Amino acid sequence: MKFNRLTRTVFVGTLLMGVATLPVSASTQTQTKQLSQPYVVIGSGNSDKAAMLDLLDPNSKAKQLTVTGTDGDQYLNLQGVSDSAMISSVSVAPAEPGSGTLVNIEKYDGANNITKVTSQQYAMAATMAGVNDVIITVSSNQTVSGESALAGVYKALASDGTNLDADNTAAANSLLSATNPAQEEVGADKAGKLSGAVTETASEIASAKQDGNEMSGNEISNALNDNLSNNNINISVSARQPIVTALQNFQTTPIASNKTFIKNAQNQAKNLKQSTGNMMAKANDFLNSEDAANLRASADGWWNKIKNFFTSLFN
């Protein structure tokens, strides 16, 4: 079939108009717009939804979602994970601009049921995935490693219109898991310095790549060693190698070619190095006063439980 020039022009123009009107749900490398509202995402394996909602959203202001095994596969590449295995729950709220990612691990009935992952590791991984200027609160009503919790964060962002690239989110979670042996060696008091050193190394890898100089495995290892040493972190070779491997994988992800990521990672690394404990965010870090009130209400609820317990002993 032959087309003259006019026919070809009309055909191509019509085709392009049709493409332009198709709905597009493209992924993005970094979060570029402020979260529009708070979210609470309950794990599908959570056995007490009402209690978890009372903990993470005591003022009932957040949009409610459920994170499933399918979400774990989509965002974290957790192939074959069941709905019942998705136990961790999260709340996600907008933070003040320039805050980076701040993470609180909330106790459930007085117990920290997130056994393997620190707040700083979550913040590091979320930054690697492209998250920025949000406050994340993680909790669980039963003992879990906590390694799948960020799937709920990425689902909340997607619901808000920010679809983070799945290659980035999966690589970020691999890095989170890779830092667990090192975290066990250094202890909780150095969690911020460890995650900060890894995040700083990632920013250097991205910067070198964008300058046309991808790092070799040895160069990544040396850069990591330097950043660990600068933060007085000493870890074994067996704990360091998984991090190097995960950083090599990070270098191949789309976000490593994103200029905004470098700035975000540098800012996050600085904040992480100064962070200790499992409560990174304070009330004044929240963008909205209602979200800050949620944090205070959650703390008040726990304190009231303690007071009621001791009161009951004498009644």
Protein backbone atom coordinates (compact mmCIF):
# COMPACT_ATOMS: atom_id res chain seq x y z
CA MET A 1 0.00 0.00 0.00
CA LYS A 2 1.46 3.37 -1.08
CA PHE A 3 1.05 6.66 0.75
CA ASN A 4 1.56 10.08 -0.82
CA ARG A 5 3.17 12.79 1.29
CA LEU A 6 -0.11 14.36 2.42
CA THR A 7 -1.58 10.98 3.34
CA ARG A 8 1.55 10.08 5.30
CA THR A 9 1.42 13.41 7.12
CA VAL A 10 -2.22 12.98 8.09
CA PHE A 11 -1.60 9.35 9.13
CA VAL A 12 1.41 10.18 11.31
CA GLY A 13 -0.31 13.21 12.82
CA THR A 14 -3.38 11.17 13.68
CA LEU A 15 -1.20 8.44 15.20
CA LEU A 16 0.69 10.93 17.34
CA MET A 17 -2.55 12.52 18.53
CA GLY A 18 -3.79 9.09 19.54
CA VAL A 19 -0.59 8.36 21.44
CA ALA A 20 -0.79 11.70 23.19
CA THR A 21 -4.24 10.92 24.52
CA LEU A 22 -3.34 7.51 25.94
CA PRO A 23 -3.21 7.39 29.75
CA VAL A 24 0.40 7.20 30.92
CA SER A 25 1.60 5.84 34.25
CA ALA A 26 5.34 6.26 33.83
CA SER A 27 7.81 5.53 36.59
CA THR A 28 10.05 8.23 37.99
CA GLN A 29 13.59 8.09 39.35
CA THR A 30 13.16 10.42 42.31
CA GLN A 31 10.18 11.85 44.13
CA THR A 32 9.69 15.30 42.59
CA LYS A 33 6.47 16.44 44.24
CA GLN A 34 5.46 16.74 47.85
CA LEU A 35 3.25 13.99 49.21
CA SER A 36 -0.28 15.40 49.06
CA GLN A 37 -1.65 13.68 52.16
CA PRO A 38 -0.74 11.13 54.85
CA TYR A 39 -1.20 7.41 54.25
CA VAL A 40 -1.35 4.38 56.50
CA VAL A 41 -0.58 1.04 54.85
CA ILE A 42 -1.46 -2.09 56.81
CA GLY A 43 0.29 -5.38 56.09
CA SER A 44 -2.12 -7.98 54.72
CA GLY A 45 -0.71 -10.47 57.25
CA ASN A 46 -1.42 -8.18 60.20
CA SER A 47 -3.79 -9.93 62.58
CA ASP A 48 -5.12 -6.85 64.38
CA LYS A 49 -5.86 -4.07 61.90
CA ALA A 50 -7.84 -1.95 64.35
CA ALA A 51 -5.02 -1.81 66.89
CA MET A 52 -2.46 -1.00 64.21
CA LEU A 53 -4.61 1.81 62.84
CA ASP A 54 -4.97 3.15 66.36
CA LEU A 55 -1.18 3.16 66.68
CA LEU A 56 -0.21 4.58 63.28
CA ASP A 57 -3.22 6.81 62.65
CA PRO A 58 -4.83 7.60 66.02
CA ASN A 59 -6.59 10.69 64.66
CA SER A 60 -7.96 8.83 61.60
CA LYS A 61 -6.63 11.43 59.15
CA ALA A 62 -4.71 9.17 56.75
CA LYS A 63 -5.82 7.39 53.61
CA GLN A 64 -5.86 3.64 54.30
CA LEU A 65 -4.23 1.05 52.03
CA THR A 66 -3.23 -2.61 52.34
CA VAL A 67 0.12 -3.99 51.19
CA THR A 68 0.03 -7.56 49.82
CA GLY A 69 2.41 -10.22 48.59
CA THR A 70 1.87 -8.96 45.05
CA ASP A 71 3.15 -5.55 46.16
CA GLY A 72 6.19 -7.19 47.72
CA ASP A 73 6.95 -8.80 44.37
CA GLN A 74 6.32 -5.61 42.42
CA TYR A 75 8.38 -3.23 44.54
CA LEU A 76 10.95 -5.44 46.27
CA ASN A 77 11.24 -8.41 43.90
CA LEU A 78 10.14 -10.76 46.71
CA GLN A 79 9.02 -13.50 44.38
CA GLY A 80 6.43 -15.91 45.73
CA VAL A 81 5.86 -14.07 49.02
CA SER A 82 2.39 -14.73 50.45
CA ASP A 83 -0.09 -12.16 51.71
CA SER A 84 0.23 -13.64 55.19
CA ALA A 85 3.97 -12.88 55.19
CA MET A 86 3.40 -9.14 54.70
CA ILE A 87 3.05 -8.26 58.38
CA SER A 88 4.84 -4.92 58.83
CA SER A 89 2.72 -1.79 58.54
CA VAL A 90 3.71 1.82 57.85
CA SER A 91 2.42 5.34 57.90
CA VAL A 92 3.77 7.91 55.44
CA ALA A 93 3.42 11.67 55.87
CA PRO A 94 4.89 14.72 54.10
CA ALA A 95 7.94 16.26 55.78
CA GLU A 96 9.27 19.79 55.74
CA PRO A 97 11.13 20.50 52.45
CA GLY A 98 14.80 19.61 52.74
CA SER A 99 14.22 17.06 55.50
CA GLY A 100 15.09 14.06 53.35
CA THR A 101 13.67 10.77 54.60
CA LEU A 102 13.02 10.41 58.33
CA VAL A 103 11.98 7.08 59.83
CA ASN A 104 10.52 6.18 63.21
CA ILE A 105 10.10 2.61 64.40
CA GLU A 106 7.08 2.55 66.69
CA LYS A 107 6.79 0.01 69.48
CA TYR A 108 3.68 -2.18 69.61
CA ASP A 109 2.43 -2.76 73.15
CA GLY A 110 5.85 -1.74 74.41
CA ALA A 111 7.83 -4.11 72.20
CA ASN A 112 9.98 -3.27 69.19
CA ASN A 113 8.89 -6.07 66.88
CA ILE A 114 11.15 -4.97 63.99
CA THR A 115 14.13 -7.16 64.83
CA LYS A 116 16.68 -6.71 62.02
CA VAL A 117 16.29 -3.29 60.43
CA THR A 118 17.05 0.10 62.00
CA SER A 119 15.38 3.41 61.25
CA GLN A 120 18.58 4.54 59.56
CA GLN A 121 18.65 1.52 57.24
CA TYR A 122 15.08 2.24 56.19
CA ALA A 123 15.94 5.88 55.51
CA MET A 124 19.01 4.86 53.50
CA ALA A 125 17.09 2.37 51.36
CA ALA A 126 14.14 4.69 50.78
CA THR A 127 16.53 7.39 49.57
CA MET A 128 18.18 4.90 47.20
CA ALA A 129 14.72 4.15 45.81
CA GLY A 130 14.02 7.83 45.15
CA VAL A 131 11.98 8.81 48.21
CA ASN A 132 12.49 12.34 49.57
CA ASP A 133 10.96 14.65 52.17
CA VAL A 134 8.68 12.12 53.85
CA ILE A 135 8.30 10.79 57.37
CA ILE A 136 7.83 7.04 57.63
CA THR A 137 6.66 5.21 60.73
CA VAL A 138 7.09 1.43 60.83
CA SER A 139 5.53 -1.03 63.25
CA SER A 140 4.40 -4.63 63.55
CA ASN A 141 2.07 -6.46 65.91
CA GLN A 142 4.36 -9.49 65.90
CA THR A 143 8.07 -10.16 65.62
CA VAL A 144 9.38 -9.73 62.06
CA SER A 145 12.68 -8.90 60.38
CA GLY A 146 11.11 -5.77 58.86
CA GLU A 147 12.80 -6.14 55.48
CA SER A 148 9.55 -5.92 53.50
CA ALA A 149 8.15 -2.83 55.23
CA LEU A 150 9.14 -0.34 52.53
CA ALA A 151 6.78 -1.97 50.02
CA GLY A 152 4.00 -0.15 51.84
CA VAL A 153 5.81 3.17 51.43
CA TYR A 154 6.21 2.70 47.69
CA LYS A 155 2.55 1.69 47.38
CA ALA A 156 1.50 4.86 49.22
CA LEU A 157 3.61 7.00 46.90
CA ALA A 158 2.11 5.26 43.86
CA SER A 159 -1.37 5.97 45.20
CA ASP A 160 -0.32 9.61 45.53
CA GLY A 161 0.84 9.75 41.90
CA THR A 162 4.57 9.03 42.30
CA ASN A 163 5.42 5.68 40.70
CA LEU A 164 9.01 4.90 41.64
CA ASP A 165 11.01 2.73 39.25
CA ALA A 166 10.80 -0.93 40.30
CA ASP A 167 14.47 -1.55 39.44
CA ASN A 168 15.43 1.18 41.91
CA THR A 169 13.13 0.00 44.70
CA ALA A 170 14.29 -3.63 44.36
CA ALA A 171 17.98 -2.64 44.33
CA ALA A 172 17.43 -0.41 47.36
CA ASN A 173 15.89 -3.26 49.32
CA SER A 174 18.78 -5.53 48.34
CA LEU A 175 21.14 -2.94 49.78
CA LEU A 176 19.07 -2.77 52.97
CA SER A 177 19.39 -6.55 53.39
CA ALA A 178 23.09 -6.42 52.50
CA THR A 179 23.81 -4.05 55.39
CA ASN A 180 22.24 -6.33 58.01
CA PRO A 181 25.43 -8.32 58.81
CA ALA A 182 27.39 -5.08 59.20
CA GLN A 183 24.65 -3.58 61.35
CA GLU A 184 24.80 -6.57 63.67
CA GLU A 185 28.56 -6.07 64.02
CA VAL A 186 28.55 -2.33 64.75
CA GLY A 187 25.51 -2.21 67.04
CA ALA A 188 22.56 0.14 67.27
CA ASP A 189 24.57 3.15 68.49
CA LYS A 190 26.42 3.32 65.15
CA ALA A 191 23.45 2.62 62.88
CA GLY A 192 23.41 6.19 61.59
CA LYS A 193 27.10 6.30 60.79
CA LEU A 194 26.97 2.95 58.97
CA SER A 195 23.96 3.85 56.83
CA GLY A 196 25.38 7.32 56.27
CA ALA A 197 28.67 5.91 54.99
CA VAL A 198 26.87 3.56 52.60
CA THR A 199 24.61 6.36 51.35
CA GLU A 200 27.60 8.63 50.81
CA THR A 201 29.31 5.89 48.81
CA ALA A 202 26.21 5.56 46.63
CA SER A 203 26.27 9.29 45.90
CA GLU A 204 29.92 9.01 44.85
CA ILE A 205 29.13 6.05 42.58
CA ALA A 206 26.31 8.01 40.93
CA SER A 207 28.49 11.10 40.53
CA ALA A 208 31.29 9.11 38.90
CA LYS A 209 28.85 7.35 36.58
CA GLN A 210 27.32 10.62 35.47
CA ASP A 211 30.82 11.91 34.72
CA GLY A 212 31.34 8.89 32.46
CA ASN A 213 33.54 6.99 34.91
CA GLU A 214 31.75 3.90 36.17
CA MET A 215 33.53 2.42 39.17
CA SER A 216 35.01 -1.06 39.18
CA GLY A 217 34.30 -3.45 42.02
CA ASN A 218 37.65 -2.59 43.61
CA GLU A 219 36.98 1.13 43.34
CA ILE A 220 33.58 0.74 44.99
CA SER A 221 35.17 -1.35 47.74
CA ASN A 222 37.85 1.30 48.32
CA ALA A 223 35.31 4.13 48.37
CA LEU A 224 33.18 2.25 50.89
CA ASN A 225 36.22 1.50 53.05
CA ASP A 226 37.19 5.18 53.07
CA ASN A 227 33.72 6.31 54.09
CA LEU A 228 33.45 3.66 56.78
CA SER A 229 36.87 4.61 58.13
CA ASN A 230 35.99 8.32 58.13
CA ASN A 231 33.06 7.46 60.39
CA ASN A 232 35.06 5.16 62.67
CA ILE A 233 33.22 2.08 61.45
CA ASN A 234 35.10 -1.22 61.39
CA ILE A 235 33.41 -4.26 59.89
CA SER A 236 34.63 -7.67 58.79
CA VAL A 237 35.33 -8.57 55.17
CA SER A 238 32.40 -10.98 55.23
CA ALA A 239 30.06 -8.16 56.31
CA ARG A 240 31.52 -5.65 53.85
CA GLN A 241 31.41 -7.76 50.68
CA PRO A 242 27.58 -8.01 50.44
CA ILE A 243 27.41 -4.21 50.62
CA VAL A 244 29.96 -3.87 47.81
CA THR A 245 28.00 -6.32 45.67
CA ALA A 246 24.74 -4.46 46.34
CA LEU A 247 26.40 -1.14 45.48
CA GLN A 248 27.66 -2.62 42.21
CA ASN A 249 24.07 -3.56 41.43
CA PHE A 250 22.94 -0.05 42.42
CA GLN A 251 25.36 1.41 39.85
CA THR A 252 23.36 -0.29 37.06
CA THR A 253 19.99 1.12 38.15
CA PRO A 254 18.33 4.12 36.48
CA ILE A 255 18.52 6.29 39.61
CA ALA A 256 22.33 6.18 39.52
CA SER A 257 22.08 8.35 36.38
CA ASN A 258 19.79 10.90 38.04
CA LYS A 259 21.35 14.23 39.07
CA THR A 260 18.76 14.97 41.73
CA PHE A 261 19.59 11.70 43.46
CA ILE A 262 23.18 12.82 44.12
CA LYS A 263 22.02 15.90 46.01
CA ASN A 264 19.36 13.96 47.92
CA ALA A 265 21.82 11.20 48.87
CA GLN A 266 24.47 13.67 50.04
CA ASN A 267 21.91 15.45 52.22
CA GLN A 268 20.60 12.14 53.56
CA ALA A 269 24.11 10.87 54.34
CA LYS A 270 24.82 13.98 56.39
CA ASN A 271 21.59 13.59 58.35
CA LEU A 272 22.11 9.88 58.91
CA LYS A 273 25.58 10.33 60.38
CA GLN A 274 24.07 12.54 63.09
CA SER A 275 21.18 10.17 63.78
CA THR A 276 20.87 7.73 66.65
CA GLY A 277 17.98 5.67 67.94
CA ASN A 278 14.79 4.56 66.26
CA MET A 279 12.95 7.91 66.31
CA MET A 280 14.47 10.10 63.61
CA ALA A 281 11.46 12.43 63.20
CA LYS A 282 10.15 14.92 65.74
CA ALA A 283 6.84 16.80 65.67
CA ASN A 284 8.36 19.90 64.03
CA ASP A 285 9.65 17.80 61.09
CA PHE A 286 6.12 17.21 59.80
CA LEU A 287 4.88 19.52 57.07
CA ASN A 288 1.33 19.50 58.46
CA SER A 289 0.38 20.11 62.08
CA GLU A 290 -2.31 17.40 61.93
CA ASP A 291 0.33 14.78 61.08
CA ALA A 292 2.46 16.01 63.98
CA ALA A 293 -0.60 15.68 66.22
CA ASN A 294 -0.84 12.05 65.11
CA LEU A 295 2.69 11.46 66.39
CA ARG A 296 1.85 13.06 69.74
CA ALA A 297 -1.41 11.14 69.99
CA SER A 298 0.41 7.87 69.39
CA ALA A 299 2.95 8.70 72.11
CA ASP A 300 0.20 9.77 74.51
CA GLY A 301 -1.69 6.55 73.84
CA TRP A 302 1.32 4.46 74.80
CA TRP A 303 1.98 6.55 77.93
CA ASN A 304 -1.65 6.18 78.99
CA LYS A 305 -1.37 2.40 78.66
CA ILE A 306 1.61 2.44 81.03
CA LYS A 307 -0.24 4.61 83.56
CA ASN A 308 -3.35 2.46 83.35
CA PHE A 309 -1.30 -0.68 83.90
CA PHE A 310 0.25 0.60 87.12
CA THR A 311 -3.06 2.05 88.27
CA SER A 312 -4.68 -1.37 87.85
CA LEU A 313 -2.09 -2.93 90.15
CA PHE A 314 -3.40 -0.91 93.07
CA ASN A 315 -7.12 -1.27 92.36
